[in-house]
Amino acid sequence: MRNTSIKLQSAGKCATPENLSGASLKKFECENLSGLELLPSHDQIVFAGDSLSLRCRGIGLYGRVEWIWGSKDPQAEFEVTVTEKTVAEHGIIESWIRIEKLLPEHSGDWRCHQVTGGNRSSTLSVLVVSDTTQYCPFVTSRDSKGTYFWPKTVIGHDVDLPCVVDHPGIKLAYASYSCAKDGEWYDLNTSACPYVSETTQILENYAAENASSGVETMYDKAKILFNITSQLRNLTDPMDIVFVSQTVEKYSRHISTIPDLSYVLVDVISKLSKASQYLLSAAQERGRACSRLRTTLETIAETTPDFYTHRDSLAIQEFSVTVDSFSGLACAWRRDKDEARRFHCITNGRALLDGFDRDLLALVELPGSLFSGMDPSSSQLVVSMFSNSNFFPDLTLLGNSFISSTVGVNIGNY
């Protein structure tokens, strides 16, 4: 075509070898053919007693090739027939190996290797099934990435199945499971697959987003996040909580430039505190979600007005104190006449109890001697109260229920 300016009526395309199937003849370069092609081109599962032929074909090569089984010469191990053919002027090398009667010991990796004139090779796996072959049984697995039906599989082999849900615009991904030599399934891996739940997938995208690239729209995104999390029945996977905790932690780094953002983030965290203890405990175990949420609350309390961090389900407040002049502090959480919860702190702790014994939900008193022996002239106090203990899951007591309010005090030096 190139030498004589021939024009084809329709564009020619390669059919074989497989790695060049569909390639344009017009754009073809001869060096693209250089390599070894092993046929059949896929791993083989065959039965004992059957025959098997393998063909190794090299184009654009010279020298000779040899067959390797595992790391050994198959002609020294088995009764096999090897036929070779070389057409030097065309740069073609061909070799066939044939096994007339397959045995279980023929299982393994069969490799065609260029011995001289280069260092190329091509390998396929052969599995010979017989009456003595052992299997892992058919099993079904279910997780947040979908339900998978794993077929009866010969021991020592891995199985790949396409993900139940596809990534839009992304090449096909797979879940995998390993059939071990003891006949049991191990190492289920669905990490490459998308979540089945649309909510979980959305929350994962939020957590993966680069926050700095969308600071202008962060407040609007936070409101959408609140709308999603406000429907707790939609949060069914522990990873939902993990992704939300990662997102609010990321967003909290920008509250100095977007003050109102902190109010929405506290709304989100307050709503999550009412999620099931089982879900929050599992989220803590998988991604330290509860720890992240508590730390984010403290971060917000350090830089925003007090009322931003006071809700019915939680209250948190930060105090900057001078060690030498600190005379004590008391904070109370009580139920007002309108049933709303009120959080306030004063230096005279006894006054907090006057008239409010019946409506008092929680009280913490910090003595004036709290900072005795500390060097810094100033320190930071963070007092937090929660309507339940859901953000403090004890993983050893998973499933137990706690109904009391939870009080926390953190002391940190500037």
Protein backbone atom coordinates (compact mmCIF):
# COMPACT_ATOMS: atom_id res chain seq x y z
CA MET A 1 0.00 0.00 0.00
CA ARG A 2 2.69 2.47 0.99
CA ASN A 3 5.10 1.67 -1.83
CA THR A 4 2.56 1.67 -4.66
CA SER A 5 -0.07 4.13 -3.37
CA ILE A 6 -2.79 1.47 -3.46
CA LYS A 7 -6.08 2.62 -1.98
CA LEU A 8 -8.41 0.05 -0.44
CA GLN A 9 -12.12 0.40 -1.05
CA SER A 10 -12.73 -0.07 2.71
CA ALA A 11 -10.17 0.35 5.47
CA GLY A 12 -8.43 -2.96 6.14
CA LYS A 13 -8.12 -4.25 9.72
CA CYS A 14 -6.16 -7.08 11.32
CA ALA A 15 -8.04 -10.17 12.43
CA THR A 16 -5.14 -11.97 14.11
CA PRO A 17 -3.07 -12.23 16.20
CA GLU A 18 -5.43 -11.52 19.07
CA ASN A 19 -3.44 -8.61 20.49
CA LEU A 20 -3.77 -6.77 17.14
CA SER A 21 -7.36 -7.71 16.33
CA GLY A 22 -9.14 -4.64 14.96
CA ALA A 23 -5.95 -2.66 14.37
CA SER A 24 -5.94 -0.51 11.24
CA LEU A 25 -3.83 -1.91 8.40
CA LYS A 26 -3.12 1.65 7.26
CA LYS A 27 -1.42 2.47 10.56
CA PHE A 28 0.27 -0.88 10.95
CA GLU A 29 3.97 -1.13 11.80
CA CYS A 30 5.83 -4.40 11.27
CA GLU A 31 7.44 -4.31 14.69
CA ASN A 32 3.96 -4.59 16.22
CA LEU A 33 3.96 -8.23 15.16
CA SER A 34 7.13 -9.08 17.00
CA GLY A 35 6.22 -11.43 19.84
CA LEU A 36 5.03 -14.91 20.79
CA GLU A 37 1.41 -16.00 20.51
CA LEU A 38 0.24 -19.04 22.45
CA LEU A 39 -2.87 -20.88 21.30
CA PRO A 40 -5.31 -21.53 22.85
CA SER A 41 -5.05 -17.97 24.12
CA HIS A 42 -6.87 -18.60 27.43
CA ASP A 43 -6.20 -20.84 30.43
CA GLN A 44 -7.53 -24.38 29.95
CA ILE A 45 -9.71 -26.56 32.21
CA VAL A 46 -9.61 -30.07 30.73
CA PHE A 47 -10.46 -33.62 31.78
CA ALA A 48 -8.12 -36.50 32.55
CA GLY A 49 -7.85 -38.88 29.61
CA ASP A 50 -8.43 -36.21 26.96
CA SER A 51 -5.72 -34.92 24.64
CA LEU A 52 -4.37 -31.39 24.46
CA SER A 53 -2.39 -29.49 21.84
CA LEU A 54 -0.65 -26.16 22.43
CA ARG A 55 0.73 -24.04 19.61
CA CYS A 56 3.39 -21.36 20.00
CA ARG A 57 3.77 -18.95 17.07
CA GLY A 58 6.23 -16.12 16.71
CA ILE A 59 6.27 -13.58 13.88
CA GLY A 60 9.10 -11.17 13.29
CA LEU A 61 11.44 -13.34 15.36
CA TYR A 62 14.40 -15.57 14.74
CA GLY A 63 16.18 -18.31 16.66
CA ARG A 64 14.18 -21.06 18.36
CA VAL A 65 11.73 -21.58 21.20
CA GLU A 66 11.40 -24.18 23.96
CA TRP A 67 8.58 -25.42 26.15
CA ILE A 68 8.71 -25.17 29.95
CA TRP A 69 6.30 -26.80 32.43
CA GLY A 70 6.57 -24.94 35.72
CA SER A 71 10.35 -24.66 35.79
CA LYS A 72 11.08 -28.02 34.13
CA ASP A 73 11.47 -29.46 30.64
CA PRO A 74 8.17 -31.25 29.88
CA GLN A 75 9.88 -33.62 27.46
CA ALA A 76 11.94 -34.93 30.36
CA GLU A 77 8.88 -35.25 32.62
CA PHE A 78 6.11 -36.57 30.37
CA GLU A 79 5.38 -38.38 27.14
CA VAL A 80 4.78 -35.43 24.85
CA THR A 81 5.31 -34.76 21.17
CA VAL A 82 7.02 -31.52 20.10
CA THR A 83 6.95 -30.35 16.47
CA GLU A 84 8.90 -27.30 15.33
CA LYS A 85 8.92 -25.23 12.17
CA THR A 86 10.99 -22.17 11.31
CA VAL A 87 10.78 -20.01 8.18
CA ALA A 88 13.77 -17.73 8.63
CA GLU A 89 13.15 -15.49 5.61
CA HIS A 90 9.66 -14.66 6.88
CA GLY A 91 10.71 -14.33 10.52
CA ILE A 92 8.28 -17.07 11.56
CA ILE A 93 8.80 -19.55 14.41
CA GLU A 94 6.20 -22.21 15.18
CA SER A 95 6.18 -25.04 17.70
CA TRP A 96 3.47 -27.52 18.71
CA ILE A 97 3.36 -29.67 21.82
CA ARG A 98 0.80 -32.45 22.14
CA ILE A 99 -0.21 -34.59 25.12
CA GLU A 100 -2.17 -37.65 24.00
CA LYS A 101 -3.61 -38.61 27.40
CA LEU A 102 -3.89 -35.98 30.09
CA LEU A 103 -3.13 -36.85 33.70
CA PRO A 104 -3.72 -34.74 36.86
CA GLU A 105 0.02 -34.10 37.09
CA HIS A 106 -0.11 -32.25 33.75
CA SER A 107 -1.79 -29.39 35.60
CA GLY A 108 0.30 -26.23 35.93
CA ASP A 109 1.75 -23.38 33.90
CA TRP A 110 2.94 -24.19 30.36
CA ARG A 111 5.27 -21.63 28.87
CA CYS A 112 6.66 -21.09 25.40
CA HIS A 113 10.00 -19.28 25.66
CA GLN A 114 12.25 -17.79 22.97
CA VAL A 115 15.68 -19.29 23.64
CA THR A 116 17.84 -17.46 21.08
CA GLY A 117 17.47 -14.14 19.34
CA GLY A 118 15.48 -12.52 22.14
CA ASN A 119 13.84 -13.04 25.51
CA ARG A 120 10.10 -13.36 24.95
CA SER A 121 7.68 -15.84 26.44
CA SER A 122 3.96 -16.59 26.67
CA THR A 123 2.25 -18.67 29.36
CA LEU A 124 -1.10 -20.34 29.97
CA SER A 125 -2.39 -22.40 32.87
CA VAL A 126 -3.72 -25.93 32.42
CA LEU A 127 -5.98 -27.58 34.99
CA VAL A 128 -6.68 -31.29 34.57
CA VAL A 129 -9.88 -32.39 36.36
CA SER A 130 -10.11 -36.00 37.54
CA ASP A 131 -12.08 -38.15 40.00
CA THR A 132 -9.63 -37.23 42.76
CA THR A 133 -9.87 -33.48 42.22
CA GLN A 134 -10.97 -31.54 45.32
CA TYR A 135 -13.24 -28.50 45.24
CA CYS A 136 -14.51 -25.59 47.26
CA PRO A 137 -18.33 -25.76 47.36
CA PHE A 138 -20.76 -23.35 45.73
CA VAL A 139 -21.26 -20.38 48.08
CA THR A 140 -23.09 -17.06 48.14
CA SER A 141 -21.55 -13.90 49.59
CA ARG A 142 -23.40 -10.72 50.48
CA ASP A 143 -21.98 -7.36 51.48
CA SER A 144 -22.47 -3.68 50.69
CA LYS A 145 -20.91 -4.26 47.26
CA GLY A 146 -23.58 -6.78 46.23
CA THR A 147 -24.56 -10.45 46.25
CA TYR A 148 -22.20 -12.85 44.47
CA PHE A 149 -22.68 -16.53 43.60
CA TRP A 150 -19.31 -18.32 43.62
CA PRO A 151 -19.24 -21.54 41.61
CA LYS A 152 -17.84 -24.89 42.67
CA THR A 153 -14.10 -24.38 42.17
CA VAL A 154 -11.00 -26.55 42.14
CA ILE A 155 -8.81 -25.97 45.20
CA GLY A 156 -5.85 -23.65 44.84
CA HIS A 157 -7.57 -21.34 42.37
CA ASP A 158 -9.01 -17.83 42.48
CA VAL A 159 -12.36 -16.87 40.98
CA ASP A 160 -13.17 -13.45 39.51
CA LEU A 161 -16.74 -12.27 38.96
CA PRO A 162 -17.85 -8.97 37.38
CA CYS A 163 -19.05 -6.40 39.91
CA VAL A 164 -22.80 -6.35 40.48
CA VAL A 165 -22.81 -2.59 39.86
CA ASP A 166 -20.75 -0.98 37.10
CA HIS A 167 -18.69 2.19 37.45
CA PRO A 168 -20.14 4.61 34.86
CA GLY A 169 -17.54 5.27 32.19
CA ILE A 170 -14.96 2.99 33.84
CA LYS A 171 -13.78 -0.38 32.55
CA LEU A 172 -15.31 -3.51 34.00
CA ALA A 173 -14.15 -4.28 37.56
CA TYR A 174 -14.20 -7.61 39.37
CA ALA A 175 -14.76 -9.16 42.77
CA SER A 176 -12.52 -12.09 43.71
CA TYR A 177 -12.55 -15.07 46.07
CA SER A 178 -9.79 -17.62 46.74
CA CYS A 179 -10.40 -21.37 47.00
CA ALA A 180 -7.68 -22.58 49.35
CA LYS A 181 -6.10 -26.05 49.42
CA ASP A 182 -8.16 -27.03 52.48
CA GLY A 183 -11.35 -26.69 50.44
CA GLU A 184 -12.45 -23.46 52.14
CA TRP A 185 -13.04 -20.02 50.63
CA TYR A 186 -10.76 -17.20 51.81
CA ASP A 187 -9.99 -13.54 51.10
CA LEU A 188 -13.24 -12.27 49.61
CA ASN A 189 -12.27 -9.02 47.87
CA THR A 190 -14.96 -6.67 46.57
CA SER A 191 -12.95 -3.47 47.11
CA ALA A 192 -12.79 -2.67 43.37
CA CYS A 193 -16.60 -2.74 43.07
CA PRO A 194 -18.99 0.20 43.62
CA TYR A 195 -21.48 0.14 46.49
CA VAL A 196 -24.92 -1.19 45.69
CA SER A 197 -26.63 1.53 47.72
CA GLU A 198 -26.92 4.79 45.80
CA THR A 199 -26.69 6.69 49.11
CA THR A 200 -23.41 5.00 50.03
CA GLN A 201 -22.01 5.71 46.57
CA ILE A 202 -22.95 9.41 46.86
CA LEU A 203 -21.38 9.67 50.33
CA GLU A 204 -18.21 7.96 49.10
CA ASN A 205 -17.97 10.55 46.31
CA TYR A 206 -18.34 13.34 48.89
CA ALA A 207 -15.53 11.88 51.00
CA ALA A 208 -13.25 11.43 47.96
CA GLU A 209 -13.76 14.96 46.63
CA ASN A 210 -10.93 17.46 46.80
CA ALA A 211 -12.39 20.04 49.20
CA SER A 212 -10.08 22.87 48.16
CA SER A 213 -11.31 22.69 44.56
CA GLY A 214 -14.90 23.48 45.54
CA VAL A 215 -14.70 25.89 48.48
CA GLU A 216 -17.17 28.25 46.84
CA THR A 217 -19.89 25.58 46.76
CA MET A 218 -18.97 23.83 50.02
CA TYR A 219 -21.80 25.41 52.05
CA ASP A 220 -24.37 24.24 49.49
CA LYS A 221 -22.82 20.77 49.43
CA ALA A 222 -22.94 20.64 53.23
CA LYS A 223 -26.68 21.40 53.14
CA ILE A 224 -27.19 18.56 50.66
CA LEU A 225 -25.17 16.31 52.98
CA PHE A 226 -27.49 17.27 55.84
CA ASN A 227 -30.55 16.46 53.72
CA ILE A 228 -29.11 13.00 53.01
CA THR A 229 -28.18 12.24 56.62
CA SER A 230 -31.39 13.67 58.09
CA GLN A 231 -33.15 10.55 56.82
CA LEU A 232 -31.43 8.08 59.12
CA ARG A 233 -33.32 5.17 57.58
CA ASN A 234 -31.25 5.73 54.42
CA LEU A 235 -28.02 5.07 56.33
CA THR A 236 -27.81 1.29 56.48
CA ASP A 237 -24.11 0.62 55.94
CA PRO A 238 -21.39 1.46 58.52
CA MET A 239 -19.41 2.97 55.63
CA ASP A 240 -22.17 5.60 55.29
CA ILE A 241 -21.15 6.94 58.71
CA VAL A 242 -17.44 6.60 57.89
CA PHE A 243 -17.79 8.63 54.68
CA VAL A 244 -19.84 11.34 56.41
CA SER A 245 -17.26 11.60 59.21
CA GLN A 246 -14.47 12.00 56.66
CA THR A 247 -16.43 14.68 54.80
CA VAL A 248 -17.33 16.82 57.82
CA GLU A 249 -13.75 16.53 59.08
CA LYS A 250 -12.52 17.78 55.70
CA TYR A 251 -15.10 20.59 55.52
CA SER A 252 -14.33 21.77 59.07
CA ARG A 253 -10.90 22.96 57.89
CA HIS A 254 -12.66 25.74 55.98
CA ILE A 255 -15.00 27.15 58.65
CA SER A 256 -12.74 30.18 59.19
CA THR A 257 -13.58 31.36 55.66
CA ILE A 258 -17.17 30.06 55.63
CA PRO A 259 -18.48 30.66 59.21
CA ASP A 260 -22.04 29.44 58.53
CA LEU A 261 -20.61 26.13 57.36
CA SER A 262 -19.94 25.14 60.98
CA TYR A 263 -23.64 25.43 61.88
CA VAL A 264 -24.61 22.97 59.13
CA LEU A 265 -21.81 20.56 60.07
CA VAL A 266 -22.97 20.48 63.70
CA ASP A 267 -26.50 19.76 62.43
CA VAL A 268 -25.13 16.79 60.49
CA ILE A 269 -23.18 15.45 63.49
CA SER A 270 -26.13 16.01 65.82
CA LYS A 271 -28.33 13.96 63.52
CA LEU A 272 -25.79 11.13 63.34
CA SER A 273 -25.68 10.91 67.15
CA LYS A 274 -29.20 9.47 66.92
CA ALA A 275 -28.18 6.66 64.57
CA SER A 276 -28.25 3.10 65.88
CA GLN A 277 -25.50 2.15 68.29
CA TYR A 278 -24.72 -0.93 66.21
CA LEU A 279 -24.15 1.17 63.08
CA LEU A 280 -21.95 3.71 64.90
CA SER A 281 -19.94 0.99 66.66
CA ALA A 282 -19.25 -0.75 63.35
CA ALA A 283 -18.34 2.61 61.75
CA GLN A 284 -15.88 3.30 64.57
CA GLU A 285 -14.28 -0.08 64.07
CA ARG A 286 -13.95 0.35 60.29
CA GLY A 287 -12.87 3.97 60.05
CA ARG A 288 -12.75 5.62 63.49
CA ALA A 289 -15.91 7.49 62.51
CA CYS A 290 -17.07 8.38 66.03
CA SER A 291 -13.62 9.66 66.99
CA ARG A 292 -13.55 11.81 63.85
CA LEU A 293 -16.99 13.26 64.61
CA ARG A 294 -16.05 14.16 68.21
CA THR A 295 -12.78 15.75 67.08
CA THR A 296 -14.58 17.75 64.39
CA LEU A 297 -17.00 19.09 67.03
CA GLU A 298 -14.06 20.25 69.12
CA THR A 299 -12.47 21.92 66.09
CA ILE A 300 -15.70 23.78 65.39
CA ALA A 301 -16.12 24.80 69.06
CA GLU A 302 -12.66 26.39 69.08
CA THR A 303 -13.46 28.89 66.31
CA THR A 304 -17.22 29.58 66.33
CA PRO A 305 -19.78 31.25 68.65
CA ASP A 306 -21.20 29.09 71.45
CA PHE A 307 -24.73 28.85 70.07
CA TYR A 308 -23.39 27.25 66.89
CA THR A 309 -22.56 24.09 68.81
CA HIS A 310 -25.62 23.75 71.08
CA ARG A 311 -28.31 21.29 70.00
CA ASP A 312 -30.93 19.12 71.68
CA SER A 313 -28.81 16.00 71.25
CA LEU A 314 -25.41 17.52 72.06
CA ALA A 315 -23.64 20.63 73.31
CA ILE A 316 -19.97 21.52 73.21
CA GLN A 317 -18.12 24.66 74.27
CA GLU A 318 -14.49 25.77 74.32
CA PHE A 319 -12.92 27.94 77.03
CA SER A 320 -9.57 29.69 77.06
CA VAL A 321 -8.43 29.96 80.66
CA THR A 322 -5.46 31.44 82.46
CA VAL A 323 -3.95 28.81 84.72
CA ASP A 324 -2.95 31.18 87.52
CA SER A 325 -6.37 32.81 87.82
CA PHE A 326 -8.59 29.76 87.18
CA SER A 327 -11.04 29.44 90.11
CA GLY A 328 -13.13 26.56 88.84
CA LEU A 329 -15.91 26.01 86.32
CA ALA A 330 -19.24 24.22 86.26
CA CYS A 331 -21.35 23.39 83.23
CA ALA A 332 -24.91 22.11 83.26
CA TRP A 333 -27.29 20.75 80.70
CA ARG A 334 -30.94 21.08 81.65
CA ARG A 335 -34.40 20.85 80.20
CA ASP A 336 -36.21 24.19 79.99
CA LYS A 337 -39.93 24.80 80.48
CA ASP A 338 -40.48 24.48 76.75
CA GLU A 339 -38.68 21.11 76.84
CA ALA A 340 -35.70 22.53 74.95
CA ARG A 341 -32.25 21.68 76.27
CA ARG A 342 -30.10 24.51 77.56
CA PHE A 343 -26.36 24.37 78.12
CA HIS A 344 -24.55 27.00 80.18
CA CYS A 345 -21.47 27.36 82.34
CA ILE A 346 -20.60 29.58 85.32
CA THR A 347 -17.78 29.88 87.82
CA ASN A 348 -20.07 29.15 90.80
CA GLY A 349 -21.14 25.58 90.26
CA ARG A 350 -23.64 25.44 93.11
CA ALA A 351 -25.74 28.18 91.51
CA LEU A 352 -26.42 25.89 88.59
CA LEU A 353 -28.31 23.50 90.83
CA ASP A 354 -30.56 26.08 92.42
CA GLY A 355 -34.10 25.45 91.26
CA PHE A 356 -33.10 23.05 88.50
CA ASP A 357 -32.60 19.74 90.31
CA ARG A 358 -35.62 18.19 88.66
CA ASP A 359 -34.74 19.37 85.15
CA LEU A 360 -31.00 18.81 85.33
CA LEU A 361 -29.77 16.36 82.67
CA ALA A 362 -26.03 16.51 83.30
CA LEU A 363 -23.57 18.52 85.38
CA VAL A 364 -19.79 18.69 85.49
CA GLU A 365 -17.79 20.67 88.07
CA LEU A 366 -14.11 21.48 87.56
CA PRO A 367 -12.20 22.54 90.72
CA GLY A 368 -9.90 25.56 90.88
CA SER A 369 -7.00 23.19 91.51
CA LEU A 370 -7.43 21.57 88.09
CA PHE A 371 -4.27 23.13 86.66
CA SER A 372 -2.08 22.81 89.72
CA GLY A 373 1.51 22.10 88.79
CA MET A 374 1.05 23.02 85.11
CA ASP A 375 3.64 25.30 83.51
CA PRO A 376 1.71 27.09 80.74
CA SER A 377 0.12 30.41 81.59
CA SER A 378 -2.92 29.60 79.45
CA SER A 379 -4.77 26.46 78.54
CA GLN A 380 -7.78 25.25 76.65
CA LEU A 381 -10.84 23.53 78.09
CA VAL A 382 -13.47 21.81 75.96
CA VAL A 383 -16.64 20.66 77.71
CA SER A 384 -19.02 18.41 75.79
CA MET A 385 -22.32 16.75 76.61
CA PHE A 386 -24.28 14.20 74.63
CA SER A 387 -27.79 12.86 75.13
CA ASN A 388 -26.49 9.29 74.75
CA SER A 389 -23.26 7.32 74.53
CA ASN A 390 -23.50 6.49 70.81
CA PHE A 391 -20.35 8.44 69.92
CA PHE A 392 -18.41 6.48 72.56
CA PRO A 393 -18.92 2.88 71.46
CA ASP A 394 -17.33 0.20 73.55
CA LEU A 395 -16.65 -2.45 70.93
CA THR A 396 -16.49 -5.17 73.61
CA LEU A 397 -20.08 -4.37 74.61
CA LEU A 398 -21.47 -4.21 71.09
CA GLY A 399 -25.23 -4.49 71.20
CA ASN A 400 -25.72 -3.19 74.76
CA SER A 401 -27.87 -0.11 75.27
CA PHE A 402 -26.99 2.98 77.35
CA ILE A 403 -29.61 5.62 78.16
CA SER A 404 -27.66 8.13 80.27
CA SER A 405 -26.19 11.41 79.07
CA THR A 406 -22.43 11.43 78.45
CA VAL A 407 -20.13 14.18 79.67
CA GLY A 408 -16.59 14.83 78.46
CA VAL A 409 -13.87 17.33 79.37
CA ASN A 410 -10.71 17.77 77.29
CA ILE A 411 -7.74 19.81 78.47
CA GLY A 412 -5.20 21.03 75.94
CA ASN A 413 -2.35 23.52 76.12
CA TYR A 414 -1.87 26.19 73.47
